[in-house]
C-alpha cells in the first residue's frame, strides 16, 4: 500500500460524501496538510490551501461551534501557518484572533475551558484537548507568542489531571453531562485518542528546552503505557477499552487511529520502545484489513458520542454502534498512514 496516496484517497472519499467542516472536518484537513508536508508534493499542498480558503466565507452553513476557531479551519489553519503552507496576512490575523479568543473563553473553577453555552453547569470533556492544544501550539510557534503555547499545554495537563483514573492510567470522557459535576465512568476509545493527540503534537513540535517539556513527555509516556494492554488480537482498540467492564465492547477505528498515531510518533522520537512499534504495526495492519476500504470508505467508527445515557461503560457500548463512513473516522486513519510513511522513510 502507498500510505500517502491512501491518505489522500480517504480525504477525497470523505469530501465526496459531505461538506468537510466542523471539528472532524478541520482535523481531516489537518491530516491532509500533514500528508502534503510529508510528501513534499506542491500540488497536494495547493489542495490543502484551497480547502482552507473555503473558511470562513464559503462554508454552506456554519454550526454553533463550541470553539469559534473552527470557523477559520481550526487546527488545520493554525498548522498551515506554522508549516508555511499559508503565509498570507489574512491567515496570520485569523489565527491570532482565535488564539486570543481561546485565552478568554469560558472556564470552570479549575481553569479548564468548559461548555460555552451552559456556563453554570461547568461541563468539561476530554475532546477539547484536541481542539485547544494543537491550535494554540502551532499558533504560538508561528506567531512567536509563548502565552499561546503555555496555555495550550496548561489546558491539556489540567484535563488529564481532571479525567485520569490513577488506578488504570486511562481517561474518562466528561464531567457534568450525566449529572451535575458527575464524571462519566467510561474508558472510551476515542476519548483516549482525543487526549493523546494533544500530547502527541506537543511531543512533535514543542521545543525541548520548554519548561513543561519533560512534564508533557511523562504524561504522554504514562498514557501510552496504560493503553498498550487493551489492544485486540486484530490490532484494534475498542469502543470501551476495558473488557472486564464492557464484555461486548466492539472494535473501533477512530480511537485506534489516534492511539496508533501516538505510538508511531513516540517510537520515532525515541520515547517508546520496540513493543510500541510492534503495536503500531499491528494496529496499521488491522486498520488496513478491517477499517479502510479500497474506495477510501471506512468502517467500524463510533459516531458522535458525549456521555451517552448514564455515562457508564455499558451505555457507551450499547447506545452507540459502529458506523460506515462516519466523519470522525477519516482524520485518525490518515494520521496513522502519514506516520507509517514516516517510519518507513525515516531511520529511527
C-alpha atoms as a PDB file:
ATOM      1  CA  UNK A   1       0.000   0.000   0.000  1.00  0.00           C
ATOM      2  CA  UNK A   2       1.134   3.543  -0.772  1.00  0.00           C
ATOM      3  CA  UNK A   3       0.352   5.158   2.567  1.00  0.00           C
ATOM      4  CA  UNK A   4       0.240   8.771   1.435  1.00  0.00           C
ATOM      5  CA  UNK A   5      -1.877   8.025  -1.626  1.00  0.00           C
ATOM      6  CA  UNK A   6      -4.295   6.130   0.589  1.00  0.00           C
ATOM      7  CA  UNK A   7      -4.456   9.078   2.978  1.00  0.00           C
ATOM      8  CA  UNK A   8      -5.456  11.348   0.099  1.00  0.00           C
ATOM      9  CA  UNK A   9      -7.972   8.753  -1.108  1.00  0.00           C
ATOM     10  CA  UNK A  10      -9.582   8.741   2.334  1.00  0.00           C
ATOM     11  CA  UNK A  11      -9.904  12.516   2.285  1.00  0.00           C
ATOM     12  CA  UNK A  12     -11.315  12.562  -1.234  1.00  0.00           C
ATOM     13  CA  UNK A  13     -13.891   9.938  -0.340  1.00  0.00           C
ATOM     14  CA  UNK A  14     -14.883  11.894   2.751  1.00  0.00           C
ATOM     15  CA  UNK A  15     -15.321  15.022   0.643  1.00  0.00           C
ATOM     16  CA  UNK A  16     -17.442  13.094  -1.858  1.00  0.00           C
ATOM     17  CA  UNK A  17     -19.925  12.200   0.886  1.00  0.00           C
ATOM     18  CA  UNK A  18     -20.444  15.558   2.614  1.00  0.00           C
ATOM     19  CA  UNK A  19     -19.110  19.059   3.134  1.00  0.00           C
ATOM     20  CA  UNK A  20     -15.840  18.932   5.073  1.00  0.00           C
ATOM     21  CA  UNK A  21     -16.019  21.262   8.056  1.00  0.00           C
ATOM     22  CA  UNK A  22     -16.665  21.254  11.834  1.00  0.00           C
ATOM     23  CA  UNK A  23     -14.076  19.693  14.157  1.00  0.00           C
ATOM     24  CA  UNK A  24     -13.850  16.313  12.444  1.00  0.00           C
ATOM     25  CA  UNK A  25     -13.560  18.052   9.090  1.00  0.00           C
ATOM     26  CA  UNK A  26     -10.832  20.510  10.067  1.00  0.00           C
ATOM     27  CA  UNK A  27      -8.960  17.617  11.685  1.00  0.00           C
ATOM     28  CA  UNK A  28      -9.146  15.752   8.367  1.00  0.00           C
ATOM     29  CA  UNK A  29      -7.804  18.810   6.556  1.00  0.00           C
ATOM     30  CA  UNK A  30      -5.024  18.934   9.147  1.00  0.00           C
ATOM     31  CA  UNK A  31      -4.215  15.292   8.349  1.00  0.00           C
ATOM     32  CA  UNK A  32      -4.202  16.220   4.657  1.00  0.00           C
ATOM     33  CA  UNK A  33      -1.730  19.014   5.447  1.00  0.00           C
ATOM     34  CA  UNK A  34       0.486  16.538   7.302  1.00  0.00           C
ATOM     35  CA  UNK A  35       0.236  14.260   4.260  1.00  0.00           C
ATOM     36  CA  UNK A  36       1.273  17.091   1.952  1.00  0.00           C
ATOM     37  CA  UNK A  37       4.214  18.132   4.106  1.00  0.00           C
ATOM     38  CA  UNK A  38       5.430  14.541   4.323  1.00  0.00           C
ATOM     39  CA  UNK A  39       5.123  14.038   0.574  1.00  0.00           C
ATOM     40  CA  UNK A  40       6.585  17.382  -0.448  1.00  0.00           C
ATOM     41  CA  UNK A  41       4.058  17.417  -3.300  1.00  0.00           C
ATOM     42  CA  UNK A  42       3.365  21.022  -4.291  1.00  0.00           C
ATOM     43  CA  UNK A  43       0.038  20.162  -5.915  1.00  0.00           C
ATOM     44  CA  UNK A  44      -1.112  18.481  -2.721  1.00  0.00           C
ATOM     45  CA  UNK A  45      -0.009  21.494  -0.683  1.00  0.00           C
ATOM     46  CA  UNK A  46      -2.066  23.690  -3.012  1.00  0.00           C
ATOM     47  CA  UNK A  47      -5.028  21.371  -2.447  1.00  0.00           C
ATOM     48  CA  UNK A  48      -4.715  21.924   1.318  1.00  0.00           C
ATOM     49  CA  UNK A  49      -4.648  25.681   0.807  1.00  0.00           C
ATOM     50  CA  UNK A  50      -7.735  25.509  -1.394  1.00  0.00           C
ATOM     51  CA  UNK A  51      -9.595  23.544   1.274  1.00  0.00           C
ATOM     52  CA  UNK A  52      -8.715  26.108   3.927  1.00  0.00           C
ATOM     53  CA  UNK A  53      -9.572  29.076   1.747  1.00  0.00           C
ATOM     54  CA  UNK A  54     -13.208  27.938   1.933  1.00  0.00           C
ATOM     55  CA  UNK A  55     -13.167  29.090   5.562  1.00  0.00           C
ATOM     56  CA  UNK A  56     -14.966  31.110   6.789  1.00  0.00           C
ATOM     57  CA  UNK A  57     -16.908  32.603   3.884  1.00  0.00           C
ATOM     58  CA  UNK A  58     -17.599  29.632   1.609  1.00  0.00           C
ATOM     59  CA  UNK A  59     -18.930  27.091   4.097  1.00  0.00           C
ATOM     60  CA  UNK A  60     -22.587  26.438   3.348  1.00  0.00           C
ATOM     61  CA  UNK A  61     -23.740  26.899   6.943  1.00  0.00           C
ATOM     62  CA  UNK A  62     -21.522  27.173   9.983  1.00  0.00           C
ATOM     63  CA  UNK A  63     -22.692  25.359  13.103  1.00  0.00           C
ATOM     64  CA  UNK A  64     -22.933  26.819  16.605  1.00  0.00           C
ATOM     65  CA  UNK A  65     -19.351  25.785  17.307  1.00  0.00           C
ATOM     66  CA  UNK A  66     -18.083  25.098  20.812  1.00  0.00           C
ATOM     67  CA  UNK A  67     -14.772  26.522  19.546  1.00  0.00           C
ATOM     68  CA  UNK A  68     -15.082  29.554  17.246  1.00  0.00           C
ATOM     69  CA  UNK A  69     -11.677  28.721  15.704  1.00  0.00           C
ATOM     70  CA  UNK A  70     -13.470  26.077  13.629  1.00  0.00           C
ATOM     71  CA  UNK A  71     -14.872  28.963  11.558  1.00  0.00           C
ATOM     72  CA  UNK A  72     -11.453  29.563  10.012  1.00  0.00           C
ATOM     73  CA  UNK A  73     -10.315  25.933   9.802  1.00  0.00           C
ATOM     74  CA  UNK A  74      -9.204  25.334  13.386  1.00  0.00           C
ATOM     75  CA  UNK A  75      -6.081  23.241  13.896  1.00  0.00           C
ATOM     76  CA  UNK A  76      -5.598  22.898  10.119  1.00  0.00           C
ATOM     77  CA  UNK A  77      -5.371  26.677   9.610  1.00  0.00           C
ATOM     78  CA  UNK A  78      -3.047  27.071  12.579  1.00  0.00           C
ATOM     79  CA  UNK A  79      -0.794  24.264  11.347  1.00  0.00           C
ATOM     80  CA  UNK A  80      -0.830  25.628   7.786  1.00  0.00           C
ATOM     81  CA  UNK A  81       0.563  28.904   9.123  1.00  0.00           C
ATOM     82  CA  UNK A  82       3.180  27.127  11.223  1.00  0.00           C
ATOM     83  CA  UNK A  83       4.243  24.831   8.373  1.00  0.00           C
ATOM     84  CA  UNK A  84       4.317  27.789   5.956  1.00  0.00           C
ATOM     85  CA  UNK A  85       1.674  26.310   3.695  1.00  0.00           C
ATOM     86  CA  UNK A  86      -0.208  29.586   4.149  1.00  0.00           C
ATOM     87  CA  UNK A  87       1.741  32.738   4.994  1.00  0.00           C
ATOM     88  CA  UNK A  88      -0.767  35.398   3.934  1.00  0.00           C
ATOM     89  CA  UNK A  89      -1.649  38.206   6.304  1.00  0.00           C
ATOM     90  CA  UNK A  90      -5.309  37.185   6.461  1.00  0.00           C
ATOM     91  CA  UNK A  91      -4.329  33.764   7.824  1.00  0.00           C
ATOM     92  CA  UNK A  92      -1.986  35.351  10.381  1.00  0.00           C
ATOM     93  CA  UNK A  93      -4.760  37.651  11.589  1.00  0.00           C
ATOM     94  CA  UNK A  94      -7.329  34.853  11.699  1.00  0.00           C
ATOM     95  CA  UNK A  95      -5.076  32.503  13.672  1.00  0.00           C
ATOM     96  CA  UNK A  96      -4.033  35.246  16.075  1.00  0.00           C
ATOM     97  CA  UNK A  97      -7.610  36.414  16.631  1.00  0.00           C
ATOM     98  CA  UNK A  98      -8.966  32.991  17.505  1.00  0.00           C
ATOM     99  CA  UNK A  99      -5.962  32.147  19.686  1.00  0.00           C
ATOM    100  CA  UNK A 100      -6.713  35.335  21.635  1.00  0.00           C
ATOM    101  CA  UNK A 101     -10.343  34.234  21.858  1.00  0.00           C
ATOM    102  CA  UNK A 102      -9.260  30.953  23.458  1.00  0.00           C
ATOM    103  CA  UNK A 103      -7.358  32.814  26.162  1.00  0.00           C
ATOM    104  CA  UNK A 104     -10.586  34.392  27.426  1.00  0.00           C
ATOM    105  CA  UNK A 105     -13.014  31.526  26.679  1.00  0.00           C
ATOM    106  CA  UNK A 106     -15.368  30.172  29.344  1.00  0.00           C
ATOM    107  CA  UNK A 107     -13.619  28.118  32.050  1.00  0.00           C
ATOM    108  CA  UNK A 108     -14.644  26.016  35.035  1.00  0.00           C
ATOM    109  CA  UNK A 109     -13.411  26.528  38.582  1.00  0.00           C
ATOM    110  CA  UNK A 110     -10.184  24.629  37.806  1.00  0.00           C
ATOM    111  CA  UNK A 111      -9.454  26.800  34.784  1.00  0.00           C
ATOM    112  CA  UNK A 112     -10.457  24.191  32.164  1.00  0.00           C
ATOM    113  CA  UNK A 113     -12.262  25.506  29.090  1.00  0.00           C
ATOM    114  CA  UNK A 114     -15.863  24.467  29.575  1.00  0.00           C
ATOM    115  CA  UNK A 115     -19.170  24.328  27.748  1.00  0.00           C
ATOM    116  CA  UNK A 116     -19.639  27.802  26.250  1.00  0.00           C
ATOM    117  CA  UNK A 117     -23.436  27.818  26.189  1.00  0.00           C
ATOM    118  CA  UNK A 118     -24.192  26.428  29.660  1.00  0.00           C
ATOM    119  CA  UNK A 119     -21.526  28.012  31.865  1.00  0.00           C
ATOM    120  CA  UNK A 120     -23.419  27.340  35.076  1.00  0.00           C
ATOM    121  CA  UNK A 121     -23.051  23.573  34.571  1.00  0.00           C
ATOM    122  CA  UNK A 122     -19.226  23.676  34.386  1.00  0.00           C
ATOM    123  CA  UNK A 123     -19.335  20.885  31.832  1.00  0.00           C
ATOM    124  CA  UNK A 124     -15.919  19.756  30.597  1.00  0.00           C
ATOM    125  CA  UNK A 125     -14.870  16.961  28.230  1.00  0.00           C
ATOM    126  CA  UNK A 126     -11.551  15.495  27.062  1.00  0.00           C
ATOM    127  CA  UNK A 127     -12.382  16.029  23.382  1.00  0.00           C
ATOM    128  CA  UNK A 128     -11.411  19.665  23.937  1.00  0.00           C
ATOM    129  CA  UNK A 129      -7.732  18.773  24.331  1.00  0.00           C
ATOM    130  CA  UNK A 130      -7.662  18.063  20.590  1.00  0.00           C
ATOM    131  CA  UNK A 131      -9.404  21.338  19.759  1.00  0.00           C
ATOM    132  CA  UNK A 132      -7.322  23.562  22.035  1.00  0.00           C
ATOM    133  CA  UNK A 133      -3.751  22.419  22.462  1.00  0.00           C
ATOM    134  CA  UNK A 134      -2.550  21.805  18.882  1.00  0.00           C
ATOM    135  CA  UNK A 135      -4.230  25.021  17.727  1.00  0.00           C
ATOM    136  CA  UNK A 136      -2.521  27.112  20.401  1.00  0.00           C
ATOM    137  CA  UNK A 137       0.790  25.267  19.984  1.00  0.00           C
ATOM    138  CA  UNK A 138       1.025  25.946  16.247  1.00  0.00           C
ATOM    139  CA  UNK A 139      -0.326  29.480  16.642  1.00  0.00           C
ATOM    140  CA  UNK A 140       2.196  30.257  19.346  1.00  0.00           C
ATOM    141  CA  UNK A 141       5.134  28.828  17.429  1.00  0.00           C
ATOM    142  CA  UNK A 142       4.152  30.553  14.178  1.00  0.00           C
ATOM    143  CA  UNK A 143       3.404  33.912  15.781  1.00  0.00           C
ATOM    144  CA  UNK A 144       6.169  33.681  18.406  1.00  0.00           C
ATOM    145  CA  UNK A 145       3.681  34.080  21.229  1.00  0.00           C
ATOM    146  CA  UNK A 146       4.714  31.997  24.247  1.00  0.00           C
ATOM    147  CA  UNK A 147       1.414  32.698  26.004  1.00  0.00           C
ATOM    148  CA  UNK A 148      -0.460  30.692  23.386  1.00  0.00           C
ATOM    149  CA  UNK A 149       1.901  27.723  23.720  1.00  0.00           C
ATOM    150  CA  UNK A 150       1.820  27.814  27.519  1.00  0.00           C
ATOM    151  CA  UNK A 151      -1.973  27.937  27.661  1.00  0.00           C
ATOM    152  CA  UNK A 152      -2.239  25.035  25.226  1.00  0.00           C
ATOM    153  CA  UNK A 153      -0.038  22.946  27.500  1.00  0.00           C
ATOM    154  CA  UNK A 154      -1.905  24.125  30.587  1.00  0.00           C
ATOM    155  CA  UNK A 155      -5.294  23.087  29.209  1.00  0.00           C
ATOM    156  CA  UNK A 156      -4.240  19.540  28.349  1.00  0.00           C
ATOM    157  CA  UNK A 157      -2.458  18.938  31.656  1.00  0.00           C
ATOM    158  CA  UNK A 158      -5.472  20.267  33.573  1.00  0.00           C
ATOM    159  CA  UNK A 159      -7.776  17.964  31.612  1.00  0.00           C
ATOM    160  CA  UNK A 160      -5.539  14.965  32.224  1.00  0.00           C
ATOM    161  CA  UNK A 161      -5.469  15.748  35.922  1.00  0.00           C
ATOM    162  CA  UNK A 162      -9.266  16.007  35.949  1.00  0.00           C
ATOM    163  CA  UNK A 163     -10.104  12.923  33.869  1.00  0.00           C
ATOM    164  CA  UNK A 164      -7.280  10.485  34.612  1.00  0.00           C
ATOM    165  CA  UNK A 165      -8.188   7.435  36.680  1.00  0.00           C
ATOM    166  CA  UNK A 166      -4.960   6.781  38.555  1.00  0.00           C
ATOM    167  CA  UNK A 167      -5.739   3.103  39.121  1.00  0.00           C
ATOM    168  CA  UNK A 168      -5.903   2.347  35.387  1.00  0.00           C
ATOM    169  CA  UNK A 169      -3.975   5.239  33.826  1.00  0.00           C
ATOM    170  CA  UNK A 170      -6.892   5.783  31.439  1.00  0.00           C
ATOM    171  CA  UNK A 171      -9.120   8.804  30.838  1.00  0.00           C
ATOM    172  CA  UNK A 172     -12.797   9.291  31.498  1.00  0.00           C
ATOM    173  CA  UNK A 173     -14.507  11.426  28.866  1.00  0.00           C
ATOM    174  CA  UNK A 174     -16.583  14.019  30.643  1.00  0.00           C
ATOM    175  CA  UNK A 175     -17.962  15.732  33.703  1.00  0.00           C
ATOM    176  CA  UNK A 176     -21.373  17.296  34.055  1.00  0.00           C
ATOM    177  CA  UNK A 177     -23.150  15.640  31.117  1.00  0.00           C
ATOM    178  CA  UNK A 178     -24.713  12.787  33.101  1.00  0.00           C
ATOM    179  CA  UNK A 179     -25.442  14.730  36.289  1.00  0.00           C
ATOM    180  CA  UNK A 180     -24.243  17.895  37.976  1.00  0.00           C
ATOM    181  CA  UNK A 181     -20.458  17.647  38.468  1.00  0.00           C
ATOM    182  CA  UNK A 182     -20.694  13.876  37.838  1.00  0.00           C
ATOM    183  CA  UNK A 183     -17.965  12.135  35.823  1.00  0.00           C
ATOM    184  CA  UNK A 184     -18.722   9.543  33.180  1.00  0.00           C
ATOM    185  CA  UNK A 185     -17.268   6.193  34.241  1.00  0.00           C
ATOM    186  CA  UNK A 186     -16.122   5.127  30.777  1.00  0.00           C
ATOM    187  CA  UNK A 187     -12.739   4.422  29.246  1.00  0.00           C
ATOM    188  CA  UNK A 188     -13.936   5.388  25.774  1.00  0.00           C
ATOM    189  CA  UNK A 189     -11.524   4.546  22.957  1.00  0.00           C
ATOM    190  CA  UNK A 190     -11.753   7.806  21.036  1.00  0.00           C
ATOM    191  CA  UNK A 191     -11.682   9.667  24.335  1.00  0.00           C
ATOM    192  CA  UNK A 192      -8.229   8.233  24.947  1.00  0.00           C
ATOM    193  CA  UNK A 193      -7.382   9.391  21.437  1.00  0.00           C
ATOM    194  CA  UNK A 194      -8.627  12.946  21.973  1.00  0.00           C
ATOM    195  CA  UNK A 195      -6.306  13.243  24.936  1.00  0.00           C
ATOM    196  CA  UNK A 196      -3.238  11.573  23.482  1.00  0.00           C
ATOM    197  CA  UNK A 197      -3.293  13.534  20.198  1.00  0.00           C
ATOM    198  CA  UNK A 198      -2.800  16.768  22.139  1.00  0.00           C
ATOM    199  CA  UNK A 199       0.275  15.330  23.849  1.00  0.00           C
ATOM    200  CA  UNK A 200       1.470  13.789  20.585  1.00  0.00           C
ATOM    201  CA  UNK A 201       1.566  17.149  18.844  1.00  0.00           C
ATOM    202  CA  UNK A 202       3.335  18.682  21.836  1.00  0.00           C
ATOM    203  CA  UNK A 203       5.966  15.960  21.672  1.00  0.00           C
ATOM    204  CA  UNK A 204       6.480  16.532  17.940  1.00  0.00           C
ATOM    205  CA  UNK A 205       6.778  20.310  17.957  1.00  0.00           C
ATOM    206  CA  UNK A 206       7.205  21.734  21.459  1.00  0.00           C
ATOM    207  CA  UNK A 207      10.801  22.971  21.827  1.00  0.00           C
ATOM    208  CA  UNK A 208      12.770  20.593  24.042  1.00  0.00           C
ATOM    209  CA  UNK A 209      14.005  23.448  26.204  1.00  0.00           C
ATOM    210  CA  UNK A 210      10.465  24.444  27.185  1.00  0.00           C
ATOM    211  CA  UNK A 211       9.941  24.339  30.954  1.00  0.00           C
ATOM    212  CA  UNK A 212       6.998  21.922  30.603  1.00  0.00           C
ATOM    213  CA  UNK A 213       8.555  19.603  28.011  1.00  0.00           C
ATOM    214  CA  UNK A 214       9.547  16.834  30.432  1.00  0.00           C
ATOM    215  CA  UNK A 215       6.188  17.017  32.203  1.00  0.00           C
ATOM    216  CA  UNK A 216       4.340  16.628  28.894  1.00  0.00           C
ATOM    217  CA  UNK A 217       6.626  13.743  27.980  1.00  0.00           C
ATOM    218  CA  UNK A 218       5.822  11.941  31.249  1.00  0.00           C
ATOM    219  CA  UNK A 219       2.064  12.346  30.734  1.00  0.00           C
ATOM    220  CA  UNK A 220       2.465  11.085  27.152  1.00  0.00           C
ATOM    221  CA  UNK A 221       4.527   8.013  28.025  1.00  0.00           C
ATOM    222  CA  UNK A 222       2.345   7.110  31.014  1.00  0.00           C
ATOM    223  CA  UNK A 223      -0.864   7.233  28.973  1.00  0.00           C
ATOM    224  CA  UNK A 224       0.677   5.241  26.110  1.00  0.00           C
ATOM    225  CA  UNK A 225       1.758   2.580  28.604  1.00  0.00           C
ATOM    226  CA  UNK A 226      -1.715   2.355  30.119  1.00  0.00           C
ATOM    227  CA  UNK A 227      -3.395   1.773  26.734  1.00  0.00           C
ATOM    228  CA  UNK A 228      -0.996  -0.901  25.481  1.00  0.00           C
ATOM    229  CA  UNK A 229      -2.572  -3.967  27.205  1.00  0.00           C
ATOM    230  CA  UNK A 230      -6.002  -3.220  25.731  1.00  0.00           C
ATOM    231  CA  UNK A 231      -5.225  -3.745  22.032  1.00  0.00           C
ATOM    232  CA  UNK A 232      -7.301  -6.523  20.472  1.00  0.00           C
ATOM    233  CA  UNK A 233      -5.952  -9.582  18.691  1.00  0.00           C
ATOM    234  CA  UNK A 234      -6.800  -7.927  15.365  1.00  0.00           C
ATOM    235  CA  UNK A 235      -4.760  -4.860  16.306  1.00  0.00           C
ATOM    236  CA  UNK A 236      -7.615  -2.512  17.182  1.00  0.00           C
ATOM    237  CA  UNK A 237      -8.658  -0.789  20.369  1.00  0.00           C
ATOM    238  CA  UNK A 238     -12.308  -0.975  21.334  1.00  0.00           C
ATOM    239  CA  UNK A 239     -15.216   1.384  21.895  1.00  0.00           C
ATOM    240  CA  UNK A 240     -14.602   0.864  25.613  1.00  0.00           C
ATOM    241  CA  UNK A 241     -11.075  -0.248  26.372  1.00  0.00           C
ATOM    242  CA  UNK A 242     -11.574  -2.414  29.461  1.00  0.00           C
ATOM    243  CA  UNK A 243     -13.426  -5.588  28.535  1.00  0.00           C
ATOM    244  CA  UNK A 244     -13.975  -6.547  32.175  1.00  0.00           C
ATOM    245  CA  UNK A 245     -16.375  -3.603  32.425  1.00  0.00           C
ATOM    246  CA  UNK A 246     -17.949  -3.948  28.975  1.00  0.00           C
ATOM    247  CA  UNK A 247     -17.520  -7.504  27.634  1.00  0.00           C
ATOM    248  CA  UNK A 248     -19.468  -6.717  24.451  1.00  0.00           C
ATOM    249  CA  UNK A 249     -17.243  -3.782  23.537  1.00  0.00           C
ATOM    250  CA  UNK A 250     -16.685  -3.663  19.785  1.00  0.00           C
ATOM    251  CA  UNK A 251     -13.502  -2.826  17.891  1.00  0.00           C
ATOM    252  CA  UNK A 252     -13.407   0.825  16.834  1.00  0.00           C
ATOM    253  CA  UNK A 253     -11.406   2.598  14.136  1.00  0.00           C
ATOM    254  CA  UNK A 254     -11.071   6.257  15.155  1.00  0.00           C
ATOM    255  CA  UNK A 255      -9.698   5.622  18.634  1.00  0.00           C
ATOM    256  CA  UNK A 256      -7.356   3.026  17.177  1.00  0.00           C
ATOM    257  CA  UNK A 257      -6.077   5.508  14.611  1.00  0.00           C
ATOM    258  CA  UNK A 258      -5.358   8.200  17.185  1.00  0.00           C
ATOM    259  CA  UNK A 259      -3.647   5.802  19.605  1.00  0.00           C
ATOM    260  CA  UNK A 260      -1.583   4.206  16.838  1.00  0.00           C
ATOM    261  CA  UNK A 261      -0.536   7.643  15.594  1.00  0.00           C
ATOM    262  CA  UNK A 262       0.733   8.477  19.080  1.00  0.00           C
ATOM    263  CA  UNK A 263       2.648   5.196  19.297  1.00  0.00           C
ATOM    264  CA  UNK A 264       4.277   5.768  15.924  1.00  0.00           C
ATOM    265  CA  UNK A 265       5.330   9.301  16.837  1.00  0.00           C
ATOM    266  CA  UNK A 266       6.569   8.215  20.261  1.00  0.00           C
ATOM    267  CA  UNK A 267       8.642   5.450  18.713  1.00  0.00           C
ATOM    268  CA  UNK A 268      10.106   7.769  16.092  1.00  0.00           C
ATOM    269  CA  UNK A 269      11.084  10.273  18.784  1.00  0.00           C
ATOM    270  CA  UNK A 270      12.684   7.556  20.899  1.00  0.00           C
ATOM    271  CA  UNK A 271      10.250   7.850  23.825  1.00  0.00           C
ATOM    272  CA  UNK A 272       8.625   4.467  23.255  1.00  0.00           C
ATOM    273  CA  UNK A 273      10.353   1.123  22.808  1.00  0.00           C
ATOM    274  CA  UNK A 274      10.094  -1.722  20.338  1.00  0.00           C
ATOM    275  CA  UNK A 275       6.899  -3.086  21.882  1.00  0.00           C
ATOM    276  CA  UNK A 276       5.126   0.110  20.789  1.00  0.00           C
ATOM    277  CA  UNK A 277       6.474  -0.195  17.259  1.00  0.00           C
ATOM    278  CA  UNK A 278       5.101  -3.739  17.206  1.00  0.00           C
ATOM    279  CA  UNK A 279       1.787  -2.399  18.490  1.00  0.00           C
ATOM    280  CA  UNK A 280       1.772   0.333  15.825  1.00  0.00           C
ATOM    281  CA  UNK A 281       2.451  -2.228  13.091  1.00  0.00           C
ATOM    282  CA  UNK A 282      -0.316  -4.481  14.390  1.00  0.00           C
ATOM    283  CA  UNK A 283      -2.755  -1.543  14.501  1.00  0.00           C
ATOM    284  CA  UNK A 284      -1.798  -0.449  10.992  1.00  0.00           C
ATOM    285  CA  UNK A 285      -2.371  -3.966   9.695  1.00  0.00           C
ATOM    286  CA  UNK A 286      -5.729  -4.152  11.475  1.00  0.00           C
ATOM    287  CA  UNK A 287      -6.884  -0.773  10.181  1.00  0.00           C
ATOM    288  CA  UNK A 288      -5.955  -1.660   6.603  1.00  0.00           C
ATOM    289  CA  UNK A 289      -7.624  -5.062   6.848  1.00  0.00           C
ATOM    290  CA  UNK A 290     -10.824  -4.090   8.649  1.00  0.00           C
ATOM    291  CA  UNK A 291     -11.390  -0.316   8.562  1.00  0.00           C
ATOM    292  CA  UNK A 292     -10.082   1.105   5.258  1.00  0.00           C
ATOM    293  CA  UNK A 293     -11.815   0.021   2.074  1.00  0.00           C
ATOM    294  CA  UNK A 294     -10.323   0.108  -1.415  1.00  0.00           C
ATOM    295  CA  UNK A 295     -12.512   3.060  -2.437  1.00  0.00           C
ATOM    296  CA  UNK A 296     -11.458   5.153   0.578  1.00  0.00           C
ATOM    297  CA  UNK A 297     -14.570   4.444   2.607  1.00  0.00           C
ATOM    298  CA  UNK A 298     -14.233   3.496   6.265  1.00  0.00           C
ATOM    299  CA  UNK A 299     -15.703   1.020   8.731  1.00  0.00           C
ATOM    300  CA  UNK A 300     -16.170   0.493  12.472  1.00  0.00           C
ATOM    301  CA  UNK A 301     -16.264   4.107  13.627  1.00  0.00           C
ATOM    302  CA  UNK A 302     -18.126   5.364  16.664  1.00  0.00           C
ATOM    303  CA  UNK A 303     -20.490   8.206  15.706  1.00  0.00           C
ATOM    304  CA  UNK A 304     -20.782  11.415  17.740  1.00  0.00           C
ATOM    305  CA  UNK A 305     -20.527  10.392  21.375  1.00  0.00           C
ATOM    306  CA  UNK A 306     -20.641  12.544  24.507  1.00  0.00           C
ATOM    307  CA  UNK A 307     -21.539  10.695  27.703  1.00  0.00           C
ATOM    308  CA  UNK A 308     -24.367   8.602  26.222  1.00  0.00           C
ATOM    309  CA  UNK A 309     -27.099   7.520  28.621  1.00  0.00           C
ATOM    310  CA  UNK A 310     -25.789   7.439  32.169  1.00  0.00           C
ATOM    311  CA  UNK A 311     -22.152   7.654  31.078  1.00  0.00           C
ATOM    312  CA  UNK A 312     -21.328   4.079  32.067  1.00  0.00           C
ATOM    313  CA  UNK A 313     -19.262   1.590  30.040  1.00  0.00           C
ATOM    314  CA  UNK A 314     -22.448  -0.286  29.129  1.00  0.00           C
ATOM    315  CA  UNK A 315     -24.026   2.890  27.746  1.00  0.00           C
ATOM    316  CA  UNK A 316     -21.020   3.654  25.558  1.00  0.00           C
ATOM    317  CA  UNK A 317     -21.150   0.151  24.073  1.00  0.00           C
ATOM    318  CA  UNK A 318     -24.897  -0.402  23.722  1.00  0.00           C
ATOM    319  CA  UNK A 319     -26.185   3.088  22.885  1.00  0.00           C
ATOM    320  CA  UNK A 320     -23.611   3.621  20.151  1.00  0.00           C
ATOM    321  CA  UNK A 321     -22.961   1.255  17.266  1.00  0.00           C
ATOM    322  CA  UNK A 322     -20.202   1.308  14.611  1.00  0.00           C
ATOM    323  CA  UNK A 323     -20.895   3.367  11.501  1.00  0.00           C
ATOM    324  CA  UNK A 324     -19.567   3.210   7.937  1.00  0.00           C
ATOM    325  CA  UNK A 325     -18.033   6.460   6.638  1.00  0.00           C
ATOM    326  CA  UNK A 326     -18.587   8.359   9.856  1.00  0.00           C
ATOM    327  CA  UNK A 327     -16.829  11.756   9.565  1.00  0.00           C
ATOM    328  CA  UNK A 328     -14.862  11.098  12.775  1.00  0.00           C
ATOM    329  CA  UNK A 329     -13.036   8.204  11.113  1.00  0.00           C
ATOM    330  CA  UNK A 330     -11.052   9.866   8.366  1.00  0.00           C
ATOM    331  CA  UNK A 331      -8.508  12.050  10.185  1.00  0.00           C
ATOM    332  CA  UNK A 332      -7.322   9.360  12.637  1.00  0.00           C
ATOM    333  CA  UNK A 333      -6.780   6.870   9.816  1.00  0.00           C
ATOM    334  CA  UNK A 334      -4.986   9.467   7.677  1.00  0.00           C
ATOM    335  CA  UNK A 335      -2.665  10.441  10.536  1.00  0.00           C
ATOM    336  CA  UNK A 336      -1.769   6.794  11.121  1.00  0.00           C
ATOM    337  CA  UNK A 337      -0.931   6.395   7.434  1.00  0.00           C
ATOM    338  CA  UNK A 338       1.258   9.509   7.437  1.00  0.00           C
ATOM    339  CA  UNK A 339       3.137   8.172  10.437  1.00  0.00           C
ATOM    340  CA  UNK A 340       3.518   4.793   8.742  1.00  0.00           C
ATOM    341  CA  UNK A 341       5.188   6.584   5.838  1.00  0.00           C
ATOM    342  CA  UNK A 342       7.467   8.466   8.230  1.00  0.00           C
ATOM    343  CA  UNK A 343       8.563   5.267   9.938  1.00  0.00           C
ATOM    344  CA  UNK A 344       9.146   3.636   6.574  1.00  0.00           C
ATOM    345  CA  UNK A 345      11.258   6.516   5.271  1.00  0.00           C
ATOM    346  CA  UNK A 346      12.975   7.935   8.371  1.00  0.00           C
ATOM    347  CA  UNK A 347      15.708   5.990  10.145  1.00  0.00           C
ATOM    348  CA  UNK A 348      14.637   5.579  13.772  1.00  0.00           C
END
